[in-house]
PDB file of N, CA and C in Angstrom:
ATOM      1  N   MET A   1     107.559 121.219 144.372  1.00  0.00           N
ATOM      2  CA  MET A   1     106.153 120.844 143.211  1.00  0.00           C
ATOM      3  C   MET A   1     106.436 121.280 141.555  1.00  0.00           C
ATOM      4  N   LYS A   2     107.768 122.645 142.203  1.00  0.00           N
ATOM      5  CA  LYS A   2     107.661 123.259 140.760  1.00  0.00           C
ATOM      6  C   LYS A   2     108.637 122.028 139.683  1.00  0.00           C
ATOM      7  N   LYS A   3     109.517 122.155 140.693  1.00  0.00           N
ATOM      8  CA  LYS A   3     110.445 120.879 139.625  1.00  0.00           C
ATOM      9  C   LYS A   3     109.755 119.913 138.920  1.00  0.00           C
ATOM     10  N   GLN A   4     108.865 119.215 140.162  1.00  0.00           N
ATOM     11  CA  GLN A   4     108.035 118.014 139.210  1.00  0.00           C
ATOM     12  C   GLN A   4     107.088 118.444 138.129  1.00  0.00           C
ATOM     13  N   ASN A   5     106.733 120.020 138.138  1.00  0.00           N
ATOM     14  CA  ASN A   5     106.009 120.596 136.996  1.00  0.00           C
ATOM     15  C   ASN A   5     106.700 120.408 135.909  1.00  0.00           C
ATOM     16  N   ASN A   6     108.098 121.078 135.958  1.00  0.00           N
ATOM     17  CA  ASN A   6     108.683 121.883 134.999  1.00  0.00           C
ATOM     18  C   ASN A   6     109.447 120.171 134.103  1.00  0.00           C
ATOM     19  N   GLN A   7     108.977 118.960 135.170  1.00  0.00           N
ATOM     20  CA  GLN A   7     109.445 117.513 134.949  1.00  0.00           C
ATOM     21  C   GLN A   7     107.934 116.849 133.527  1.00  0.00           C
ATOM     22  N   THR A   8     106.565 117.152 133.707  1.00  0.00           N
ATOM     23  CA  THR A   8     106.275 117.193 133.104  1.00  0.00           C
ATOM     24  C   THR A   8     106.226 117.561 131.408  1.00  0.00           C
ATOM     25  N   LEU A   9     106.597 119.671 131.696  1.00  0.00           N
ATOM     26  CA  LEU A   9     106.349 119.649 130.835  1.00  0.00           C
ATOM     27  C   LEU A   9     107.702 119.579 129.586  1.00  0.00           C
ATOM     28  N   ASP A  10     108.563 119.287 130.414  1.00  0.00           N
ATOM     29  CA  ASP A  10     109.760 118.791 129.557  1.00  0.00           C
ATOM     30  C   ASP A  10     109.594 117.119 128.600  1.00  0.00           C
ATOM     31  N   SER A  11     108.264 116.388 130.077  1.00  0.00           N
ATOM     32  CA  SER A  11     107.822 114.659 129.289  1.00  0.00           C
ATOM     33  C   SER A  11     106.656 115.606 128.330  1.00  0.00           C
ATOM     34  N   GLY A  12     106.302 116.437 128.176  1.00  0.00           N
ATOM     35  CA  GLY A  12     104.856 116.779 127.376  1.00  0.00           C
ATOM     36  C   GLY A  12     106.036 117.093 125.747  1.00  0.00           C
ATOM     37  N   SER A  13     107.006 118.143 126.196  1.00  0.00           N
ATOM     38  CA  SER A  13     107.691 118.555 124.791  1.00  0.00           C
ATOM     39  C   SER A  13     108.381 117.733 124.416  1.00  0.00           C
ATOM     40  N   ASP A  14     109.082 116.405 124.979  1.00  0.00           N
ATOM     41  CA  ASP A  14     109.641 115.697 124.643  1.00  0.00           C
ATOM     42  C   ASP A  14     108.562 114.227 123.573  1.00  0.00           C
ATOM     43  N   MET A  15     107.521 114.333 124.027  1.00  0.00           N
ATOM     44  CA  MET A  15     106.077 113.753 123.456  1.00  0.00           C
ATOM     45  C   MET A  15     105.531 114.765 122.058  1.00  0.00           C
ATOM     46  N   ASP A  16     105.936 115.667 121.889  1.00  0.00           N
ATOM     47  CA  ASP A  16     105.504 116.543 121.263  1.00  0.00           C
ATOM     48  C   ASP A  16     106.823 116.129 119.835  1.00  0.00           C
ATOM     49  N   ASP A  17     107.983 116.294 120.349  1.00  0.00           N
ATOM     50  CA  ASP A  17     108.734 115.893 119.782  1.00  0.00           C
ATOM     51  C   ASP A  17     109.721 114.739 119.112  1.00  0.00           C
ATOM     52  N   LEU A  18     108.773 113.938 119.844  1.00  0.00           N
ATOM     53  CA  LEU A  18     108.576 112.213 119.096  1.00  0.00           C
ATOM     54  C   LEU A  18     107.111 112.237 118.559  1.00  0.00           C
ATOM     55  N   HIS A  19     106.824 111.819 118.105  1.00  0.00           N
ATOM     56  CA  HIS A  19     105.453 113.029 117.319  1.00  0.00           C
ATOM     57  C   HIS A  19     106.053 113.408 116.101  1.00  0.00           C
ATOM     58  N   LYS A  20     106.809 114.636 115.997  1.00  0.00           N
ATOM     59  CA  LYS A  20     107.342 114.821 114.799  1.00  0.00           C
ATOM     60  C   LYS A  20     108.336 114.408 114.619  1.00  0.00           C
ATOM     61  N   ILE A  21     109.256 113.865 115.249  1.00  0.00           N
ATOM     62  CA  ILE A  21     110.022 112.554 114.598  1.00  0.00           C
ATOM     63  C   ILE A  21     109.122 111.213 113.411  1.00  0.00           C
ATOM     64  N   LEU A  22     108.634 110.352 114.466  1.00  0.00           N
ATOM     65  CA  LEU A  22     107.614 109.795 113.991  1.00  0.00           C
ATOM     66  C   LEU A  22     107.006 109.960 112.299  1.00  0.00           C
ATOM     67  N   HIS A  23     106.707 111.507 112.532  1.00  0.00           N
ATOM     68  CA  HIS A  23     105.907 112.207 111.472  1.00  0.00           C
ATOM     69  C   HIS A  23     106.856 111.936 110.004  1.00  0.00           C
ATOM     70  N   ASP A  24     107.589 112.649 110.280  1.00  0.00           N
ATOM     71  CA  ASP A  24     109.419 113.086 109.483  1.00  0.00           C
ATOM     72  C   ASP A  24     109.665 111.377 109.307  1.00  0.00           C
ATOM     73  N   LEU A  25     109.526 110.545 109.984  1.00  0.00           N
ATOM     74  CA  LEU A  25     109.885 109.704 109.636  1.00  0.00           C
ATOM     75  C   LEU A  25     109.072 108.528 108.731  1.00  0.00           C
ATOM     76  N   ARG A  26     107.163 108.186 108.880  1.00  0.00           N
ATOM     77  CA  ARG A  26     106.914 107.642 107.938  1.00  0.00           C
ATOM     78  C   ARG A  26     106.980 108.236 106.735  1.00  0.00           C
ATOM     79  N   GLY A  27     107.384 109.772 106.095  1.00  0.00           N
ATOM     80  CA  GLY A  27     107.343 110.349 105.151  1.00  0.00           C
ATOM     81  C   GLY A  27     107.406 109.706 104.408  1.00  0.00           C
ATOM     82  N   PRO A  28     109.660 109.259 104.653  1.00  0.00           N
ATOM     83  CA  PRO A  28     110.058 108.749 103.444  1.00  0.00           C
ATOM     84  C   PRO A  28     110.168 106.964 103.377  1.00  0.00           C
ATOM     85  N   ILE A  29     109.140 106.793 104.194  1.00  0.00           N
ATOM     86  CA  ILE A  29     109.127 105.257 104.147  1.00  0.00           C
ATOM     87  C   ILE A  29     107.899 105.093 103.636  1.00  0.00           C
ATOM     88  N   ILE A  30     107.098 105.961 103.431  1.00  0.00           N
ATOM     89  CA  ILE A  30     106.499 105.224 102.608  1.00  0.00           C
ATOM     90  C   ILE A  30     106.558 106.135 100.624  1.00  0.00           C
ATOM     91  N   ASN A  31     107.441 106.782 100.803  1.00  0.00           N
ATOM     92  CA  ASN A  31     108.136 107.306  99.429  1.00  0.00           C
ATOM     93  C   ASN A  31     108.579 105.866  98.898  1.00  0.00           C
ATOM     94  N   ILE A  32     109.391 105.220  99.707  1.00  0.00           N
ATOM     95  CA  ILE A  32     110.657 103.850  99.553  1.00  0.00           C
ATOM     96  C   ILE A  32     109.508 103.125  99.244  1.00  0.00           C
ATOM     97  N   ASP A  33     108.387 102.795  99.514  1.00  0.00           N
ATOM     98  CA  ASP A  33     107.136 101.904  99.151  1.00  0.00           C
ATOM     99  C   ASP A  33     106.870 102.143  98.082  1.00  0.00           C
ATOM    100  N   GLY A  34     106.022 103.110  97.732  1.00  0.00           N
ATOM    101  CA  GLY A  34     105.474 103.756  96.467  1.00  0.00           C
ATOM    102  C   GLY A  34     107.041 103.302  95.262  1.00  0.00           C
ATOM    103  N   LEU A  35     108.037 104.241  95.727  1.00  0.00           N
ATOM    104  CA  LEU A  35     108.808 103.567  94.538  1.00  0.00           C
ATOM    105  C   LEU A  35     109.031 102.022  94.662  1.00  0.00           C
ATOM    106  N   ASN A  36     109.044 101.417  95.621  1.00  0.00           N
ATOM    107  CA  ASN A  36     109.422  99.809  95.673  1.00  0.00           C
ATOM    108  C   ASN A  36     108.005  99.015  94.668  1.00  0.00           C
ATOM    109  N   GLN A  37     107.110  99.838  94.902  1.00  0.00           N
ATOM    110  CA  GLN A  37     105.978  99.256  93.812  1.00  0.00           C
ATOM    111  C   GLN A  37     105.879  99.601  92.572  1.00  0.00           C
ATOM    112  N   GLU A  38     106.366 100.381  92.424  1.00  0.00           N
ATOM    113  CA  GLU A  38     107.330 101.436  91.190  1.00  0.00           C
ATOM    114  C   GLU A  38     107.524 100.217  90.796  1.00  0.00           C
ATOM    115  N   MET A  39     108.796  99.679  90.839  1.00  0.00           N
ATOM    116  CA  MET A  39     109.677  98.957  90.808  1.00  0.00           C
ATOM    117  C   MET A  39     109.342  98.023  90.256  1.00  0.00           C
ATOM    118  N   GLN A  40     108.114  97.152  91.584  1.00  0.00           N
ATOM    119  CA  GLN A  40     107.655  95.271  90.659  1.00  0.00           C
ATOM    120  C   GLN A  40     106.651  95.915  89.667  1.00  0.00           C
ATOM    121  N   ASP A  41     105.584  96.406  89.760  1.00  0.00           N
ATOM    122  CA  ASP A  41     104.797  96.947  88.753  1.00  0.00           C
ATOM    123  C   ASP A  41     105.918  96.860  87.189  1.00  0.00           C
ATOM    124  N   SER A  42     107.105  98.149  87.211  1.00  0.00           N
ATOM    125  CA  SER A  42     108.054  98.100  85.958  1.00  0.00           C
ATOM    126  C   SER A  42     108.925  96.215  85.334  1.00  0.00           C
ATOM    127  N   LEU A  43     109.087  95.760  86.482  1.00  0.00           N
ATOM    128  CA  LEU A  43     109.707  94.874  86.443  1.00  0.00           C
ATOM    129  C   LEU A  43     108.642  93.551  85.775  1.00  0.00           C
ATOM    130  N   THR A  44     106.828  93.749  86.454  1.00  0.00           N
ATOM    131  CA  THR A  44     106.133  92.631  85.550  1.00  0.00           C
ATOM    132  C   THR A  44     106.285  93.075  84.119  1.00  0.00           C
ATOM    133  N   GLU A  45     105.782  94.292  84.383  1.00  0.00           N
ATOM    134  CA  GLU A  45     105.776  95.138  82.555  1.00  0.00           C
ATOM    135  C   GLU A  45     106.604  93.973  81.679  1.00  0.00           C
ATOM    136  N   LEU A  46     108.187  94.779  82.116  1.00  0.00           N
ATOM    137  CA  LEU A  46     109.141  94.366  81.856  1.00  0.00           C
ATOM    138  C   LEU A  46     109.306  92.527  81.798  1.00  0.00           C
ATOM    139  N   HIS A  47     109.044  91.604  82.341  1.00  0.00           N
ATOM    140  CA  HIS A  47     109.082  90.362  81.943  1.00  0.00           C
ATOM    141  C   HIS A  47     107.937  90.279  80.978  1.00  0.00           C
ATOM    142  N   LYS A  48     106.157  90.475  80.277  1.00  0.00           N
ATOM    143  CA  LYS A  48     106.003  90.903  79.391  1.00  0.00           C
ATOM    144  C   LYS A  48     105.870  91.138  78.377  1.00  0.00           C
ATOM    145  N   VAL A  49     107.314  91.662  78.565  1.00  0.00           N
ATOM    146  CA  VAL A  49     107.446  92.364  76.811  1.00  0.00           C
ATOM    147  C   VAL A  49     108.675  91.639  76.338  1.00  0.00           C
ATOM    148  N   LEU A  50     109.798  91.020  77.452  1.00  0.00           N
ATOM    149  CA  LEU A  50     110.323  90.042  77.168  1.00  0.00           C
ATOM    150  C   LEU A  50     109.875  88.637  76.191  1.00  0.00           C
ATOM    151  N   GLN A  51     109.000  88.789  76.948  1.00  0.00           N
ATOM    152  CA  GLN A  51     107.851  87.290  76.733  1.00  0.00           C
ATOM    153  C   GLN A  51     107.505  87.362  75.178  1.00  0.00           C
ATOM    154  N   ASN A  52     106.805  88.374  74.858  1.00  0.00           N
ATOM    155  CA  ASN A  52     106.181  88.994  74.006  1.00  0.00           C
ATOM    156  C   ASN A  52     107.290  89.504  72.833  1.00  0.00           C
ATOM    157  N   TYR A  53     108.418  89.060  73.223  1.00  0.00           N
ATOM    158  CA  TYR A  53     109.582  89.197  71.505  1.00  0.00           C
ATOM    159  C   TYR A  53     110.869  88.291  72.314  1.00  0.00           C
ATOM    160  N   SER A  54     110.263  87.224  72.711  1.00  0.00           N
ATOM    161  CA  SER A  54     111.149  86.364  73.116  1.00  0.00           C
ATOM    162  C   SER A  54     111.406  86.210  71.608  1.00  0.00           C
ATOM    163  N   ASP A  55     110.743  85.427  70.765  1.00  0.00           N
ATOM    164  CA  ASP A  55     111.269  84.928  69.525  1.00  0.00           C
ATOM    165  C   ASP A  55     111.867  85.883  68.229  1.00  0.00           C
ATOM    166  N   GLN A  56     111.994  87.087  69.058  1.00  0.00           N
ATOM    167  CA  GLN A  56     112.852  87.690  67.981  1.00  0.00           C
ATOM    168  C   GLN A  56     114.119  88.623  68.772  1.00  0.00           C
ATOM    169  N   LEU A  57     114.148  88.138  69.916  1.00  0.00           N
ATOM    170  CA  LEU A  57     116.040  88.190  70.644  1.00  0.00           C
ATOM    171  C   LEU A  57     116.492  87.331  71.073  1.00  0.00           C
ATOM    172  N   PRO A  58     118.065  87.458  70.758  1.00  0.00           N
ATOM    173  CA  PRO A  58     119.038  86.459  70.958  1.00  0.00           C
ATOM    174  C   PRO A  58     118.944  86.120  72.260  1.00  0.00           C
ATOM    175  N   GLU A  59     118.708  84.813  72.641  1.00  0.00           N
ATOM    176  CA  GLU A  59     118.346  83.616  72.734  1.00  0.00           C
ATOM    177  C   GLU A  59     119.682  84.135  74.604  1.00  0.00           C
ATOM    178  N   ALA A  60     120.584  84.434  73.959  1.00  0.00           N
ATOM    179  CA  ALA A  60     121.778  84.830  75.088  1.00  0.00           C
ATOM    180  C   ALA A  60     121.080  85.973  76.120  1.00  0.00           C
ATOM    181  N   PHE A  61     120.815  87.297  75.481  1.00  0.00           N
ATOM    182  CA  PHE A  61     120.429  88.656  76.063  1.00  0.00           C
ATOM    183  C   PHE A  61     119.281  88.039  76.819  1.00  0.00           C
ATOM    184  N   LEU A  62     118.041  87.798  76.123  1.00  0.00           N
ATOM    185  CA  LEU A  62     116.709  87.398  76.558  1.00  0.00           C
ATOM    186  C   LEU A  62     116.728  86.690  78.009  1.00  0.00           C
ATOM    187  N   GLN A  63     117.994  85.771  78.013  1.00  0.00           N
ATOM    188  CA  GLN A  63     118.202  84.369  79.001  1.00  0.00           C
ATOM    189  C   GLN A  63     118.535  85.814  80.458  1.00  0.00           C
ATOM    190  N   GLN A  64     119.666  86.659  80.071  1.00  0.00           N
ATOM    191  CA  GLN A  64     120.325  87.042  80.454  1.00  0.00           C
ATOM    192  C   GLN A  64     119.779  88.460  81.376  1.00  0.00           C
ATOM    193  N   MET A  65     118.582  89.397  80.765  1.00  0.00           N
ATOM    194  CA  MET A  65     117.673  90.128  81.300  1.00  0.00           C
ATOM    195  C   MET A  65     116.779  89.525  81.952  1.00  0.00           C
ATOM    196  N   LEU A  66     116.322  88.582  81.999  1.00  0.00           N
ATOM    197  CA  LEU A  66     115.483  87.392  82.989  1.00  0.00           C
ATOM    198  C   LEU A  66     115.853  87.232  84.118  1.00  0.00           C
ATOM    199  N   GLU A  67     117.819  86.510  84.395  1.00  0.00           N
ATOM    200  CA  GLU A  67     118.205  85.935  85.121  1.00  0.00           C
ATOM    201  C   GLU A  67     118.525  87.691  86.025  1.00  0.00           C
ATOM    202  N   LEU A  68     118.541  88.577  85.722  1.00  0.00           N
ATOM    203  CA  LEU A  68     118.908  90.039  86.094  1.00  0.00           C
ATOM    204  C   LEU A  68     117.208  90.258  87.145  1.00  0.00           C
ATOM    205  N   MET A  69     116.645  90.189  86.611  1.00  0.00           N
ATOM    206  CA  MET A  69     115.378  90.822  87.175  1.00  0.00           C
ATOM    207  C   MET A  69     115.118  89.507  88.054  1.00  0.00           C
ATOM    208  N   HIS A  70     115.171  88.477  87.541  1.00  0.00           N
ATOM    209  CA  HIS A  70     114.686  87.139  88.662  1.00  0.00           C
ATOM    210  C   HIS A  70     115.946  86.989  89.994  1.00  0.00           C
ATOM    211  N   ASP A  71     117.243  86.914  89.665  1.00  0.00           N
ATOM    212  CA  ASP A  71     117.869  86.829  91.052  1.00  0.00           C
ATOM    213  C   ASP A  71     118.816  88.159  91.416  1.00  0.00           C
ATOM    214  N   ASP A  72     118.771  89.239  90.585  1.00  0.00           N
ATOM    215  CA  ASP A  72     119.051  90.311  91.389  1.00  0.00           C
ATOM    216  C   ASP A  72     118.012  91.622  91.957  1.00  0.00           C
ATOM    217  N   LEU A  73     116.741  91.916  90.591  1.00  0.00           N
ATOM    218  CA  LEU A  73     116.132  93.130  91.023  1.00  0.00           C
ATOM    219  C   LEU A  73     115.007  92.626  91.835  1.00  0.00           C
ATOM    220  N   LEU A  74     114.301  91.227  91.064  1.00  0.00           N
ATOM    221  CA  LEU A  74     113.217  90.657  92.562  1.00  0.00           C
ATOM    222  C   LEU A  74     113.274  90.808  94.352  1.00  0.00           C
ATOM    223  N   PRO A  75     115.016  89.704  94.175  1.00  0.00           N
ATOM    224  CA  PRO A  75     114.950  89.556  95.422  1.00  0.00           C
ATOM    225  C   PRO A  75     115.312  91.203  96.504  1.00  0.00           C
ATOM    226  N   CYS A  76     116.214  92.026  95.825  1.00  0.00           N
ATOM    227  CA  CYS A  76     116.662  93.644  95.925  1.00  0.00           C
ATOM    228  C   CYS A  76     115.159  93.978  96.559  1.00  0.00           C
ATOM    229  N   SER A  77     114.133  93.741  95.519  1.00  0.00           N
ATOM    230  CA  SER A  77     112.257  94.534  95.823  1.00  0.00           C
ATOM    231  C   SER A  77     111.777  94.028  97.126  1.00  0.00           C
ATOM    232  N   ILE A  78     112.276  92.672  97.676  1.00  0.00           N
ATOM    233  CA  ILE A  78     111.882  91.678  98.246  1.00  0.00           C
ATOM    234  C   ILE A  78     112.502  92.608  99.774  1.00  0.00           C
ATOM    235  N   LEU A  79     113.514  92.226  99.662  1.00  0.00           N
ATOM    236  CA  LEU A  79     114.641  92.919 100.781  1.00  0.00           C
ATOM    237  C   LEU A  79     113.817  94.273 101.190  1.00  0.00           C
ATOM    238  N   MET A  80     113.555  95.862 100.614  1.00  0.00           N
ATOM    239  CA  MET A  80     113.093  96.581 100.822  1.00  0.00           C
ATOM    240  C   MET A  80     111.976  96.755 101.422  1.00  0.00           C
ATOM    241  N   ASP A  81     110.883  95.423 100.601  1.00  0.00           N
ATOM    242  CA  ASP A  81     109.752  95.539 101.358  1.00  0.00           C
ATOM    243  C   ASP A  81     109.547  94.864 103.008  1.00  0.00           C
ATOM    244  N   LYS A  82     110.591  94.111 103.004  1.00  0.00           N
ATOM    245  CA  LYS A  82     110.872  93.429 104.136  1.00  0.00           C
ATOM    246  C   LYS A  82     111.275  94.557 105.581  1.00  0.00           C
ATOM    247  N   ALA A  83     112.162  95.347 105.083  1.00  0.00           N
ATOM    248  CA  ALA A  83     112.680  96.270 105.760  1.00  0.00           C
ATOM    249  C   ALA A  83     111.365  97.726 106.012  1.00  0.00           C
ATOM    250  N   THR A  84     110.938  97.598 104.886  1.00  0.00           N
ATOM    251  CA  THR A  84     109.909  99.076 105.238  1.00  0.00           C
ATOM    252  C   THR A  84     109.056  99.162 106.193  1.00  0.00           C
ATOM    253  N   THR A  85     108.397  97.016 106.146  1.00  0.00           N
ATOM    254  CA  THR A  85     107.861  96.606 106.562  1.00  0.00           C
ATOM    255  C   THR A  85     108.202  96.474 108.459  1.00  0.00           C
ATOM    256  N   GLN A  86     108.948  96.552 108.398  1.00  0.00           N
ATOM    257  CA  GLN A  86     109.855  96.289 109.460  1.00  0.00           C
ATOM    258  C   GLN A  86     110.178  97.643 110.299  1.00  0.00           C
ATOM    259  N   LEU A  87     110.218  98.872 109.794  1.00  0.00           N
ATOM    260  CA  LEU A  87     110.823 100.389 109.654  1.00  0.00           C
ATOM    261  C   LEU A  87     108.762 100.612 109.907  1.00  0.00           C
ATOM    262  N   HIS A  88     107.565 100.593 109.764  1.00  0.00           N
ATOM    263  CA  HIS A  88     106.170 100.826 109.619  1.00  0.00           C
ATOM    264  C   HIS A  88     105.602 100.292 110.952  1.00  0.00           C
ATOM    265  N   SER A  89     105.897  99.122 111.303  1.00  0.00           N
ATOM    266  CA  SER A  89     106.298  98.137 113.032  1.00  0.00           C
ATOM    267  C   SER A  89     106.523  98.884 114.191  1.00  0.00           C
ATOM    268  N   ARG A  90     108.058  99.374 113.593  1.00  0.00           N
ATOM    269  CA  ARG A  90     108.482  99.918 114.801  1.00  0.00           C
ATOM    270  C   ARG A  90     107.997 101.355 114.750  1.00  0.00           C
ATOM    271  N   ALA A  91     107.671 102.161 114.079  1.00  0.00           N
ATOM    272  CA  ALA A  91     107.751 103.588 113.898  1.00  0.00           C
ATOM    273  C   ALA A  91     105.978 103.305 114.877  1.00  0.00           C
ATOM    274  N   ASP A  92     105.155 102.308 114.531  1.00  0.00           N
ATOM    275  CA  ASP A  92     103.951 101.968 115.296  1.00  0.00           C
ATOM    276  C   ASP A  92     103.892 101.697 116.521  1.00  0.00           C
ATOM    277  N   SER A  93     105.296 101.119 117.021  1.00  0.00           N
ATOM    278  CA  SER A  93     105.084 100.558 118.269  1.00  0.00           C
ATOM    279  C   SER A  93     105.668 101.961 119.303  1.00  0.00           C
ATOM    280  N   ILE A  94     106.744 102.285 118.430  1.00  0.00           N
ATOM    281  CA  ILE A  94     106.877 103.595 119.392  1.00  0.00           C
ATOM    282  C   ILE A  94     105.973 104.628 119.639  1.00  0.00           C
ATOM    283  N   GLU A  95     105.012 104.672 118.528  1.00  0.00           N
ATOM    284  CA  GLU A  95     103.989 105.609 118.839  1.00  0.00           C
ATOM    285  C   GLU A  95     103.006 104.584 119.487  1.00  0.00           C
ATOM    286  N   ALA A  96     103.144 104.265 120.248  1.00  0.00           N
ATOM    287  CA  ALA A  96     102.125 102.685 121.043  1.00  0.00           C
ATOM    288  C   ALA A  96     102.146 103.791 121.947  1.00  0.00           C
ATOM    289  N   VAL A  97     103.596 103.795 122.035  1.00  0.00           N
ATOM    290  CA  VAL A  97     104.201 103.653 123.713  1.00  0.00           C
ATOM    291  C   VAL A  97     104.128 105.636 124.358  1.00  0.00           C
ATOM    292  N   THR A  98     103.883 106.337 123.013  1.00  0.00           N
ATOM    293  CA  THR A  98     103.644 107.795 123.468  1.00  0.00           C
ATOM    294  C   THR A  98     102.105 108.112 123.162  1.00  0.00           C
ATOM    295  N   GLN A  99     101.466 106.671 123.523  1.00  0.00           N
ATOM    296  CA  GLN A  99      99.900 107.185 123.827  1.00  0.00           C
ATOM    297  C   GLN A  99      99.987 106.632 124.865  1.00  0.00           C
ATOM    298  N   LEU A 100     100.646 106.076 125.712  1.00  0.00           N
ATOM    299  CA  LEU A 100     100.768 105.902 127.371  1.00  0.00           C
ATOM    300  C   LEU A 100     100.130 107.052 127.878  1.00  0.00           C
TER     301      LEU A 100
END
């Protein structure tokens, strides 16, 4: 009986530890989400600025900037969004298991 009680206590302690780990994991994920949203907003603003000044900028520069935004930065942002969505989902799944 004593051994079984110790296992129950260990299990409860393990669950507490798991809850702490999940809490500590969610903070950075939320921060990455916020930074990614800021980057997307900045890309949108930069695109507007480039459009507004397109007649004053050299065509090669404008084209290079647009390609950099659309071919490099935007795909990176999309990948970060998918990654953080997966991390949120996994953390939610782990949390659901701890509720059993």
